[in-house]
Amino acid sequence: KRQKRHIDALKVKNYRDDKNLKYLHLVDGGVADNLGIRSIIDIVAFHNDNMWNTMQTYGLKNSKKMVFISVNAASFLNPANGANRVVPSTANVLDTTTTIQSNKYNTDTIDLLKSQFPRWKKQVQQSRCKELKSKDCEDIEFQLIEINLEDLNKNEITKLGIVPTALELPHKTIEQLKTAGKSLLNRSEGFQ
């Protein structure tokens, strides 16, 4: 794992070559880690693939519950695609294809995170009980709360509208998305 980080660091060094790389074009981080979850797994991997080491580094050694909230605002598939006889545009096909791939990758990422919970729990329990020897040293729980815009009811979706992926959104749309996220979080059983 550390060797991979070293190789990644060397690749980043290439961006300092301003003679051959005059312009840097950035892309939304969603291409690599749409939910931001893989970076959490990478952080644990960096700490010898051990959650207890990670918790100690970030001052969380007395934590009894770690809750991960995943907010998935992935684009909806455009329902108009199947309602028209006209062949969708190239841009529409590309958007649909990337949405499908992104959604599959999101599902795989969520599954990967949840699969780590039993191992992380065992690591924390064993290490904390060995180091701290407290009566509640085994008291640790990991939980994932998933919030997904697709879980909005039809009225909420209609009010929100289909929001295409963009580098900039109008203020009204941002406020609508924040309200939708808050509503979904409040309705979540895991959050309750």
N, C-alpha and C. Protein backbone atom coordinates (compact mmCIF):
# COMPACT_ATOMS: atom_id res chain seq x y z
N LYS A 1 0.83 -1.20 0.00
CA LYS A 1 0.00 0.00 0.00
C LYS A 1 0.87 1.26 0.00
N ARG A 2 1.92 1.26 0.82
CA ARG A 2 2.78 2.45 0.88
C ARG A 2 3.50 2.65 -0.45
N GLN A 3 3.87 1.55 -1.12
CA GLN A 3 4.56 1.66 -2.40
C GLN A 3 3.64 2.32 -3.42
N LYS A 4 2.35 1.98 -3.41
CA LYS A 4 1.39 2.58 -4.33
C LYS A 4 1.31 4.09 -4.07
N ARG A 5 1.28 4.50 -2.81
CA ARG A 5 1.23 5.93 -2.49
C ARG A 5 2.49 6.64 -3.00
N HIS A 6 3.64 5.96 -2.90
CA HIS A 6 4.89 6.55 -3.38
C HIS A 6 4.82 6.74 -4.90
N ILE A 7 4.33 5.74 -5.60
CA ILE A 7 4.19 5.82 -7.05
C ILE A 7 3.22 6.94 -7.42
N ASP A 8 2.09 7.04 -6.70
CA ASP A 8 1.13 8.12 -6.95
C ASP A 8 1.76 9.49 -6.73
N ALA A 9 2.57 9.60 -5.69
CA ALA A 9 3.24 10.88 -5.40
C ALA A 9 4.19 11.26 -6.52
N LEU A 10 4.90 10.27 -7.07
CA LEU A 10 5.81 10.55 -8.18
C LEU A 10 5.05 11.01 -9.42
N LYS A 11 3.86 10.45 -9.64
CA LYS A 11 3.04 10.87 -10.77
C LYS A 11 2.62 12.33 -10.61
N VAL A 12 2.26 12.72 -9.42
CA VAL A 12 1.84 14.09 -9.16
C VAL A 12 3.00 15.05 -9.42
N LYS A 13 4.21 14.60 -9.15
CA LYS A 13 5.40 15.42 -9.38
C LYS A 13 5.49 15.87 -10.84
N ASN A 14 5.00 15.05 -11.75
CA ASN A 14 5.02 15.38 -13.18
C ASN A 14 4.27 16.67 -13.49
N TYR A 15 3.30 17.02 -12.65
CA TYR A 15 2.51 18.23 -12.90
C TYR A 15 3.31 19.51 -12.65
N ARG A 16 4.48 19.39 -12.08
CA ARG A 16 5.32 20.56 -11.83
C ARG A 16 6.17 20.94 -13.04
N ASP A 17 6.08 20.15 -14.08
CA ASP A 17 6.84 20.40 -15.30
C ASP A 17 6.10 21.44 -16.14
N ASP A 18 6.35 22.71 -15.88
CA ASP A 18 5.60 23.77 -16.56
C ASP A 18 6.06 24.03 -17.99
N LYS A 19 7.12 23.38 -18.42
CA LYS A 19 7.57 23.52 -19.81
C LYS A 19 6.73 22.65 -20.74
N ASN A 20 6.47 21.41 -20.32
CA ASN A 20 5.70 20.48 -21.14
C ASN A 20 4.22 20.44 -20.76
N LEU A 21 3.90 20.96 -19.62
CA LEU A 21 2.51 20.93 -19.14
C LEU A 21 2.09 22.36 -18.80
N LYS A 22 1.70 23.08 -19.82
CA LYS A 22 1.37 24.50 -19.64
C LYS A 22 -0.01 24.70 -19.03
N TYR A 23 -0.92 23.78 -19.28
CA TYR A 23 -2.29 23.92 -18.80
C TYR A 23 -2.71 22.65 -18.06
N LEU A 24 -3.43 22.84 -17.01
CA LEU A 24 -3.94 21.72 -16.22
C LEU A 24 -5.46 21.77 -16.28
N HIS A 25 -6.05 20.74 -16.82
CA HIS A 25 -7.51 20.66 -16.93
C HIS A 25 -8.02 19.71 -15.85
N LEU A 26 -8.84 20.22 -14.96
CA LEU A 26 -9.33 19.44 -13.83
C LEU A 26 -10.72 18.89 -14.11
N VAL A 27 -11.01 17.76 -13.51
CA VAL A 27 -12.30 17.11 -13.65
C VAL A 27 -12.86 16.87 -12.26
N ASP A 28 -14.16 16.89 -12.14
CA ASP A 28 -14.83 16.60 -10.88
C ASP A 28 -14.30 15.30 -10.28
N GLY A 29 -14.06 15.28 -8.98
CA GLY A 29 -13.52 14.10 -8.30
C GLY A 29 -14.42 12.89 -8.37
N GLY A 30 -15.68 13.10 -8.75
CA GLY A 30 -16.62 11.99 -8.86
C GLY A 30 -16.19 10.93 -9.86
N VAL A 31 -15.34 11.29 -10.77
CA VAL A 31 -14.84 10.32 -11.74
C VAL A 31 -14.08 9.21 -11.03
N ALA A 32 -13.33 9.55 -10.00
CA ALA A 32 -12.50 8.57 -9.30
C ALA A 32 -13.18 8.02 -8.05
N ASP A 33 -13.92 8.86 -7.33
CA ASP A 33 -14.52 8.44 -6.06
C ASP A 33 -15.77 9.28 -5.82
N ASN A 34 -16.83 8.94 -6.51
CA ASN A 34 -18.04 9.74 -6.53
C ASN A 34 -18.62 9.98 -5.13
N LEU A 35 -18.52 9.02 -4.25
CA LEU A 35 -19.10 9.14 -2.91
C LEU A 35 -18.10 9.59 -1.86
N GLY A 36 -16.83 9.65 -2.21
CA GLY A 36 -15.81 10.04 -1.24
C GLY A 36 -15.48 8.95 -0.24
N ILE A 37 -15.93 7.74 -0.50
CA ILE A 37 -15.75 6.63 0.45
C ILE A 37 -14.40 5.93 0.24
N ARG A 38 -13.98 5.81 -0.97
CA ARG A 38 -12.71 5.12 -1.23
C ARG A 38 -11.55 5.85 -0.57
N SER A 39 -11.66 7.15 -0.44
CA SER A 39 -10.60 7.90 0.23
C SER A 39 -10.53 7.52 1.71
N ILE A 40 -11.66 7.21 2.33
CA ILE A 40 -11.66 6.75 3.72
C ILE A 40 -10.93 5.40 3.82
N ILE A 41 -11.24 4.51 2.90
CA ILE A 41 -10.60 3.19 2.89
C ILE A 41 -9.10 3.36 2.64
N ASP A 42 -8.73 4.31 1.78
CA ASP A 42 -7.31 4.59 1.52
C ASP A 42 -6.60 5.12 2.77
N ILE A 43 -7.29 5.95 3.53
CA ILE A 43 -6.70 6.49 4.77
C ILE A 43 -6.41 5.36 5.75
N VAL A 44 -7.34 4.43 5.88
CA VAL A 44 -7.12 3.27 6.77
C VAL A 44 -5.97 2.43 6.22
N ALA A 45 -5.93 2.23 4.91
CA ALA A 45 -4.85 1.45 4.30
C ALA A 45 -3.50 2.11 4.58
N PHE A 46 -3.45 3.42 4.54
CA PHE A 46 -2.22 4.16 4.82
C PHE A 46 -1.73 3.92 6.24
N HIS A 47 -2.66 3.67 7.17
CA HIS A 47 -2.31 3.41 8.57
C HIS A 47 -2.20 1.91 8.81
N ASN A 48 -1.40 1.26 7.97
CA ASN A 48 -1.14 -0.18 8.05
C ASN A 48 -2.41 -1.02 7.94
N ASP A 49 -3.39 -0.50 7.21
CA ASP A 49 -4.66 -1.19 7.00
C ASP A 49 -5.31 -1.57 8.32
N ASN A 50 -5.23 -0.66 9.30
CA ASN A 50 -5.72 -0.94 10.64
C ASN A 50 -6.54 0.26 11.14
N MET A 51 -7.81 0.02 11.41
CA MET A 51 -8.70 1.09 11.86
C MET A 51 -8.28 1.65 13.22
N TRP A 52 -7.75 0.82 14.10
CA TRP A 52 -7.32 1.31 15.41
C TRP A 52 -6.20 2.34 15.25
N ASN A 53 -5.24 2.06 14.38
CA ASN A 53 -4.17 3.02 14.11
C ASN A 53 -4.74 4.33 13.57
N THR A 54 -5.71 4.21 12.69
CA THR A 54 -6.34 5.39 12.10
C THR A 54 -7.06 6.20 13.17
N MET A 55 -7.81 5.52 14.02
CA MET A 55 -8.55 6.21 15.08
C MET A 55 -7.60 6.93 16.03
N GLN A 56 -6.50 6.32 16.35
CA GLN A 56 -5.52 6.96 17.23
C GLN A 56 -4.94 8.22 16.58
N THR A 57 -4.61 8.11 15.29
CA THR A 57 -4.03 9.25 14.57
C THR A 57 -4.96 10.46 14.60
N TYR A 58 -6.26 10.22 14.49
CA TYR A 58 -7.22 11.31 14.41
C TYR A 58 -7.92 11.61 15.74
N GLY A 59 -7.35 11.11 16.84
CA GLY A 59 -7.89 11.41 18.17
C GLY A 59 -9.26 10.80 18.43
N LEU A 60 -9.51 9.62 17.89
CA LEU A 60 -10.82 8.98 18.02
C LEU A 60 -10.77 7.70 18.85
N LYS A 61 -9.72 7.53 19.65
CA LYS A 61 -9.54 6.23 20.31
C LYS A 61 -10.61 5.92 21.35
N ASN A 62 -11.34 6.91 21.83
CA ASN A 62 -12.40 6.65 22.79
C ASN A 62 -13.78 6.56 22.14
N SER A 63 -13.83 6.65 20.83
CA SER A 63 -15.11 6.61 20.11
C SER A 63 -15.76 5.25 20.26
N LYS A 64 -17.08 5.28 20.41
CA LYS A 64 -17.83 4.04 20.55
C LYS A 64 -18.68 3.75 19.32
N LYS A 65 -18.89 4.77 18.52
CA LYS A 65 -19.69 4.58 17.31
C LYS A 65 -19.12 5.48 16.22
N MET A 66 -18.91 4.87 15.06
CA MET A 66 -18.48 5.63 13.89
C MET A 66 -19.57 5.49 12.83
N VAL A 67 -20.13 6.63 12.45
CA VAL A 67 -21.22 6.64 11.48
C VAL A 67 -20.73 7.30 10.21
N PHE A 68 -20.90 6.62 9.11
CA PHE A 68 -20.56 7.14 7.80
C PHE A 68 -21.87 7.48 7.11
N ILE A 69 -22.00 8.71 6.66
CA ILE A 69 -23.21 9.13 5.95
C ILE A 69 -22.83 9.33 4.49
N SER A 70 -23.39 8.51 3.64
CA SER A 70 -23.13 8.59 2.20
C SER A 70 -24.31 9.30 1.54
N VAL A 71 -24.03 10.42 0.90
CA VAL A 71 -25.07 11.16 0.19
C VAL A 71 -24.83 10.97 -1.30
N ASN A 72 -25.71 10.22 -1.92
CA ASN A 72 -25.57 9.92 -3.34
C ASN A 72 -26.51 10.82 -4.13
N ALA A 73 -25.92 11.80 -4.79
CA ALA A 73 -26.70 12.71 -5.62
C ALA A 73 -26.47 12.43 -7.09
N ALA A 74 -26.18 11.17 -7.40
CA ALA A 74 -25.92 10.80 -8.78
C ALA A 74 -27.11 11.18 -9.66
N SER A 75 -26.80 11.47 -10.88
CA SER A 75 -27.84 11.88 -11.83
C SER A 75 -28.88 10.78 -11.99
N PHE A 76 -30.10 11.21 -12.20
CA PHE A 76 -31.17 10.29 -12.55
C PHE A 76 -31.04 9.97 -14.03
N LEU A 77 -31.50 8.79 -14.41
CA LEU A 77 -31.60 8.50 -15.84
C LEU A 77 -32.78 9.31 -16.37
N ASN A 78 -32.60 9.96 -17.47
CA ASN A 78 -33.62 10.83 -18.02
C ASN A 78 -34.80 9.99 -18.52
N PRO A 79 -35.99 10.13 -17.91
CA PRO A 79 -37.14 9.32 -18.33
C PRO A 79 -37.61 9.64 -19.74
N ALA A 80 -37.24 10.80 -20.25
CA ALA A 80 -37.66 11.19 -21.60
C ALA A 80 -37.00 10.30 -22.65
N ASN A 81 -35.88 9.67 -22.32
CA ASN A 81 -35.19 8.82 -23.29
C ASN A 81 -36.09 7.71 -23.82
N GLY A 82 -36.86 7.10 -22.96
CA GLY A 82 -37.72 5.99 -23.36
C GLY A 82 -39.08 6.43 -23.84
N ALA A 83 -39.39 7.70 -23.74
CA ALA A 83 -40.71 8.20 -24.14
C ALA A 83 -40.73 8.71 -25.57
N ASN A 84 -39.58 8.87 -26.18
CA ASN A 84 -39.50 9.42 -27.53
C ASN A 84 -39.02 8.39 -28.53
N ARG A 85 -39.55 8.49 -29.73
CA ARG A 85 -39.11 7.62 -30.82
C ARG A 85 -37.77 8.09 -31.38
N VAL A 86 -37.48 9.38 -31.19
CA VAL A 86 -36.26 9.98 -31.72
C VAL A 86 -35.05 9.40 -30.98
N VAL A 87 -34.05 9.05 -31.75
CA VAL A 87 -32.82 8.51 -31.16
C VAL A 87 -32.16 9.60 -30.33
N PRO A 88 -31.76 9.27 -29.09
CA PRO A 88 -31.13 10.29 -28.23
C PRO A 88 -29.84 10.83 -28.85
N SER A 89 -29.50 12.05 -28.49
CA SER A 89 -28.28 12.68 -28.99
C SER A 89 -27.05 11.97 -28.43
N THR A 90 -25.91 12.23 -29.05
CA THR A 90 -24.65 11.65 -28.57
C THR A 90 -24.38 12.07 -27.13
N ALA A 91 -24.64 13.34 -26.81
CA ALA A 91 -24.43 13.84 -25.44
C ALA A 91 -25.34 13.11 -24.46
N ASN A 92 -26.59 12.86 -24.88
CA ASN A 92 -27.54 12.17 -24.01
C ASN A 92 -27.12 10.73 -23.78
N VAL A 93 -26.65 10.07 -24.83
CA VAL A 93 -26.18 8.68 -24.69
C VAL A 93 -24.96 8.63 -23.77
N LEU A 94 -24.04 9.57 -23.96
CA LEU A 94 -22.84 9.62 -23.12
C LEU A 94 -23.22 9.86 -21.65
N ASP A 95 -24.16 10.78 -21.40
CA ASP A 95 -24.61 11.08 -20.04
C ASP A 95 -25.26 9.84 -19.41
N THR A 96 -26.11 9.15 -20.17
CA THR A 96 -26.77 7.94 -19.67
C THR A 96 -25.75 6.85 -19.36
N THR A 97 -24.80 6.66 -20.25
CA THR A 97 -23.77 5.63 -20.06
C THR A 97 -22.95 5.91 -18.81
N THR A 98 -22.51 7.14 -18.64
CA THR A 98 -21.70 7.47 -17.47
C THR A 98 -22.52 7.39 -16.19
N THR A 99 -23.81 7.72 -16.25
CA THR A 99 -24.68 7.59 -15.08
C THR A 99 -24.79 6.13 -14.65
N ILE A 100 -24.99 5.25 -15.61
CA ILE A 100 -25.11 3.81 -15.30
C ILE A 100 -23.80 3.30 -14.70
N GLN A 101 -22.67 3.66 -15.31
CA GLN A 101 -21.37 3.21 -14.79
C GLN A 101 -21.12 3.77 -13.39
N SER A 102 -21.43 5.04 -13.20
CA SER A 102 -21.22 5.68 -11.90
C SER A 102 -22.07 5.02 -10.83
N ASN A 103 -23.32 4.72 -11.16
CA ASN A 103 -24.21 4.08 -10.18
C ASN A 103 -23.71 2.70 -9.79
N LYS A 104 -23.19 1.94 -10.77
CA LYS A 104 -22.64 0.61 -10.47
C LYS A 104 -21.40 0.74 -9.58
N TYR A 105 -20.54 1.69 -9.91
CA TYR A 105 -19.33 1.91 -9.12
C TYR A 105 -19.70 2.35 -7.69
N ASN A 106 -20.74 3.18 -7.56
CA ASN A 106 -21.21 3.61 -6.24
C ASN A 106 -21.66 2.42 -5.41
N THR A 107 -22.41 1.51 -6.02
CA THR A 107 -22.88 0.32 -5.32
C THR A 107 -21.70 -0.53 -4.87
N ASP A 108 -20.73 -0.73 -5.74
CA ASP A 108 -19.53 -1.51 -5.39
C ASP A 108 -18.77 -0.85 -4.24
N THR A 109 -18.69 0.47 -4.26
CA THR A 109 -17.97 1.21 -3.21
C THR A 109 -18.67 1.07 -1.86
N ILE A 110 -19.99 1.19 -1.85
CA ILE A 110 -20.78 1.02 -0.62
C ILE A 110 -20.57 -0.39 -0.06
N ASP A 111 -20.63 -1.39 -0.93
CA ASP A 111 -20.42 -2.78 -0.50
C ASP A 111 -19.02 -2.97 0.07
N LEU A 112 -18.03 -2.34 -0.56
CA LEU A 112 -16.65 -2.45 -0.08
C LEU A 112 -16.53 -1.85 1.33
N LEU A 113 -17.12 -0.69 1.55
CA LEU A 113 -17.06 -0.07 2.87
C LEU A 113 -17.72 -0.96 3.92
N LYS A 114 -18.93 -1.42 3.64
CA LYS A 114 -19.65 -2.26 4.62
C LYS A 114 -18.90 -3.55 4.92
N SER A 115 -18.20 -4.08 3.92
CA SER A 115 -17.46 -5.33 4.13
C SER A 115 -16.28 -5.13 5.09
N GLN A 116 -15.82 -3.88 5.26
CA GLN A 116 -14.70 -3.58 6.15
C GLN A 116 -15.13 -3.54 7.62
N PHE A 117 -16.40 -3.26 7.88
CA PHE A 117 -16.86 -3.03 9.26
C PHE A 117 -16.52 -4.16 10.24
N PRO A 118 -16.79 -5.43 9.92
CA PRO A 118 -16.44 -6.50 10.88
C PRO A 118 -14.95 -6.56 11.18
N ARG A 119 -14.13 -6.38 10.15
CA ARG A 119 -12.67 -6.43 10.34
C ARG A 119 -12.21 -5.24 11.19
N TRP A 120 -12.72 -4.06 10.88
CA TRP A 120 -12.36 -2.87 11.65
C TRP A 120 -12.79 -3.00 13.11
N LYS A 121 -13.97 -3.55 13.32
CA LYS A 121 -14.47 -3.73 14.69
C LYS A 121 -13.53 -4.65 15.48
N LYS A 122 -13.13 -5.74 14.86
CA LYS A 122 -12.23 -6.68 15.51
C LYS A 122 -10.87 -6.03 15.81
N GLN A 123 -10.35 -5.27 14.85
CA GLN A 123 -9.07 -4.58 15.05
C GLN A 123 -9.14 -3.62 16.23
N VAL A 124 -10.20 -2.84 16.29
CA VAL A 124 -10.35 -1.87 17.38
C VAL A 124 -10.50 -2.57 18.71
N GLN A 125 -11.36 -3.58 18.76
CA GLN A 125 -11.58 -4.30 20.02
C GLN A 125 -10.29 -4.93 20.53
N GLN A 126 -9.59 -5.64 19.67
CA GLN A 126 -8.36 -6.31 20.10
C GLN A 126 -7.31 -5.30 20.55
N SER A 127 -7.07 -4.28 19.76
CA SER A 127 -6.01 -3.32 20.08
C SER A 127 -6.37 -2.43 21.26
N ARG A 128 -7.61 -1.97 21.32
CA ARG A 128 -8.01 -1.08 22.40
C ARG A 128 -8.01 -1.83 23.74
N CYS A 129 -8.48 -3.06 23.74
CA CYS A 129 -8.50 -3.83 24.98
C CYS A 129 -7.08 -4.16 25.44
N LYS A 130 -6.18 -4.37 24.49
CA LYS A 130 -4.78 -4.66 24.84
C LYS A 130 -4.10 -3.41 25.40
N GLU A 131 -4.36 -2.26 24.77
CA GLU A 131 -3.68 -1.02 25.17
C GLU A 131 -4.35 -0.32 26.35
N LEU A 132 -5.68 -0.22 26.33
CA LEU A 132 -6.38 0.60 27.32
C LEU A 132 -6.91 -0.20 28.51
N LYS A 133 -7.19 -1.46 28.29
CA LYS A 133 -7.67 -2.35 29.35
C LYS A 133 -8.84 -1.75 30.14
N SER A 134 -9.77 -1.12 29.45
CA SER A 134 -10.94 -0.58 30.13
C SER A 134 -12.09 -1.57 30.02
N LYS A 135 -13.08 -1.42 30.90
CA LYS A 135 -14.19 -2.38 30.91
C LYS A 135 -15.05 -2.30 29.65
N ASP A 136 -15.07 -1.14 28.98
CA ASP A 136 -15.86 -1.00 27.77
C ASP A 136 -15.01 -0.95 26.50
N CYS A 137 -13.83 -1.56 26.56
CA CYS A 137 -12.90 -1.49 25.43
C CYS A 137 -13.45 -2.13 24.16
N GLU A 138 -14.40 -3.04 24.28
CA GLU A 138 -14.97 -3.70 23.11
C GLU A 138 -16.14 -2.94 22.52
N ASP A 139 -16.52 -1.84 23.15
CA ASP A 139 -17.69 -1.08 22.73
C ASP A 139 -17.37 -0.19 21.53
N ILE A 140 -17.53 -0.77 20.35
CA ILE A 140 -17.31 -0.03 19.10
C ILE A 140 -18.30 -0.55 18.06
N GLU A 141 -18.85 0.37 17.32
CA GLU A 141 -19.82 -0.01 16.28
C GLU A 141 -19.60 0.88 15.06
N PHE A 142 -19.72 0.30 13.90
CA PHE A 142 -19.62 1.03 12.64
C PHE A 142 -20.97 0.95 11.95
N GLN A 143 -21.40 2.08 11.41
CA GLN A 143 -22.71 2.13 10.76
C GLN A 143 -22.62 2.99 9.51
N LEU A 144 -23.37 2.59 8.51
CA LEU A 144 -23.47 3.35 7.28
C LEU A 144 -24.91 3.81 7.10
N ILE A 145 -25.08 5.09 6.86
CA ILE A 145 -26.40 5.64 6.53
C ILE A 145 -26.31 6.11 5.09
N GLU A 146 -27.18 5.55 4.25
CA GLU A 146 -27.18 5.91 2.84
C GLU A 146 -28.35 6.83 2.53
N ILE A 147 -28.02 7.96 1.95
CA ILE A 147 -29.02 8.91 1.49
C ILE A 147 -28.89 8.97 -0.03
N ASN A 148 -30.00 8.76 -0.72
CA ASN A 148 -29.97 8.70 -2.17
C ASN A 148 -31.11 9.53 -2.74
N LEU A 149 -30.80 10.45 -3.62
CA LEU A 149 -31.84 11.30 -4.20
C LEU A 149 -32.92 10.50 -4.92
N GLU A 150 -32.58 9.31 -5.36
CA GLU A 150 -33.59 8.48 -6.02
C GLU A 150 -34.69 8.04 -5.06
N ASP A 151 -34.47 8.19 -3.74
CA ASP A 151 -35.47 7.81 -2.74
C ASP A 151 -36.50 8.90 -2.47
N LEU A 152 -36.38 10.03 -3.16
CA LEU A 152 -37.38 11.07 -3.02
C LEU A 152 -38.70 10.60 -3.62
N ASN A 153 -39.82 11.11 -3.08
CA ASN A 153 -41.10 10.74 -3.67
C ASN A 153 -41.30 11.53 -4.98
N LYS A 154 -42.29 11.12 -5.76
CA LYS A 154 -42.47 11.71 -7.10
C LYS A 154 -42.68 13.22 -7.04
N ASN A 155 -43.42 13.69 -6.04
CA ASN A 155 -43.67 15.12 -5.91
C ASN A 155 -42.36 15.88 -5.67
N GLU A 156 -41.50 15.32 -4.80
CA GLU A 156 -40.22 15.95 -4.50
C GLU A 156 -39.31 15.95 -5.74
N ILE A 157 -39.31 14.85 -6.47
CA ILE A 157 -38.49 14.75 -7.68
C ILE A 157 -38.96 15.76 -8.72
N THR A 158 -40.28 15.88 -8.89
CA THR A 158 -40.83 16.84 -9.84
C THR A 158 -40.44 18.26 -9.45
N LYS A 159 -40.55 18.57 -8.16
CA LYS A 159 -40.21 19.90 -7.67
C LYS A 159 -38.71 20.18 -7.87
N LEU A 160 -37.90 19.17 -7.63
CA LEU A 160 -36.45 19.32 -7.77
C LEU A 160 -36.06 19.38 -9.24
N GLY A 161 -36.72 18.57 -10.04
CA GLY A 161 -36.38 18.51 -11.45
C GLY A 161 -35.14 17.66 -11.64
N ILE A 162 -34.85 17.37 -12.87
CA ILE A 162 -33.64 16.59 -13.17
C ILE A 162 -32.49 17.57 -13.21
N VAL A 163 -31.52 17.35 -12.34
CA VAL A 163 -30.37 18.26 -12.25
C VAL A 163 -29.19 17.59 -12.95
N PRO A 164 -28.79 18.12 -14.08
CA PRO A 164 -27.66 17.51 -14.80
C PRO A 164 -26.35 17.78 -14.06
N THR A 165 -25.40 16.91 -14.30
CA THR A 165 -24.07 17.13 -13.74
C THR A 165 -23.50 18.41 -14.35
N ALA A 166 -23.01 19.28 -13.49
CA ALA A 166 -22.46 20.55 -13.95
C ALA A 166 -21.41 21.03 -12.97
N LEU A 167 -20.52 21.87 -13.44
CA LEU A 167 -19.50 22.42 -12.57
C LEU A 167 -20.05 23.56 -11.72
N GLU A 168 -21.19 24.09 -12.12
CA GLU A 168 -21.80 25.18 -11.37
C GLU A 168 -23.32 25.02 -11.42
N LEU A 169 -23.97 25.19 -10.27
CA LEU A 169 -25.42 25.08 -10.21
C LEU A 169 -26.01 26.40 -9.74
N PRO A 170 -27.22 26.73 -10.21
CA PRO A 170 -27.87 27.95 -9.73
C PRO A 170 -28.16 27.85 -8.23
N HIS A 171 -28.17 28.98 -7.55
CA HIS A 171 -28.40 29.03 -6.10
C HIS A 171 -29.71 28.32 -5.72
N LYS A 172 -30.77 28.54 -6.50
CA LYS A 172 -32.07 27.91 -6.22
C LYS A 172 -31.95 26.38 -6.23
N THR A 173 -31.23 25.85 -7.21
CA THR A 173 -31.04 24.40 -7.30
C THR A 173 -30.25 23.87 -6.10
N ILE A 174 -29.23 24.60 -5.70
CA ILE A 174 -28.43 24.20 -4.53
C ILE A 174 -29.32 24.14 -3.29
N GLU A 175 -30.16 25.14 -3.10
CA GLU A 175 -31.06 25.16 -1.94
C GLU A 175 -32.05 24.00 -1.99
N GLN A 176 -32.56 23.70 -3.19
CA GLN A 176 -33.49 22.57 -3.34
C GLN A 176 -32.79 21.25 -3.02
N LEU A 177 -31.55 21.10 -3.47
CA LEU A 177 -30.80 19.87 -3.18
C LEU A 177 -30.52 19.73 -1.69
N LYS A 178 -30.17 20.83 -1.02
CA LYS A 178 -29.92 20.79 0.42
C LYS A 178 -31.19 20.40 1.18
N THR A 179 -32.33 20.96 0.77
CA THR A 179 -33.60 20.64 1.41
C THR A 179 -33.95 19.16 1.19
N ALA A 180 -33.72 18.68 -0.03
CA ALA A 180 -34.01 17.27 -0.33
C ALA A 180 -33.12 16.35 0.51
N GLY A 181 -31.84 16.68 0.62
CA GLY A 181 -30.92 15.87 1.43
C GLY A 181 -31.34 15.85 2.89
N LYS A 182 -31.72 17.00 3.43
CA LYS A 182 -32.16 17.09 4.83
C LYS A 182 -33.42 16.25 5.04
N SER A 183 -34.34 16.34 4.12
CA SER A 183 -35.58 15.56 4.21
C SER A 183 -35.29 14.06 4.21
N LEU A 184 -34.42 13.62 3.29
CA LEU A 184 -34.08 12.20 3.22
C LEU A 184 -33.36 11.73 4.48
N LEU A 185 -32.46 12.55 5.00
CA LEU A 185 -31.74 12.18 6.22
C LEU A 185 -32.70 12.04 7.39
N ASN A 186 -33.63 12.98 7.53
CA ASN A 186 -34.61 12.91 8.62
C ASN A 186 -35.52 11.71 8.52
N ARG A 187 -35.76 11.21 7.30
CA ARG A 187 -36.62 10.03 7.10
C ARG A 187 -35.85 8.72 7.24
N SER A 188 -34.53 8.79 7.29
CA SER A 188 -33.70 7.59 7.32
C SER A 188 -33.83 6.85 8.64
N GLU A 189 -34.12 5.55 8.58
CA GLU A 189 -34.21 4.73 9.80
C GLU A 189 -32.87 4.71 10.53
N GLY A 190 -31.79 4.55 9.78
CA GLY A 190 -30.46 4.50 10.40
C GLY A 190 -30.13 5.79 11.14
N PHE A 191 -30.56 6.92 10.62
CA PHE A 191 -30.31 8.21 11.25
C PHE A 191 -31.16 8.35 12.50
N GLN A 192 -32.39 7.85 12.45
CA GLN A 192 -33.27 7.93 13.62
C GLN A 192 -32.66 7.13 14.77
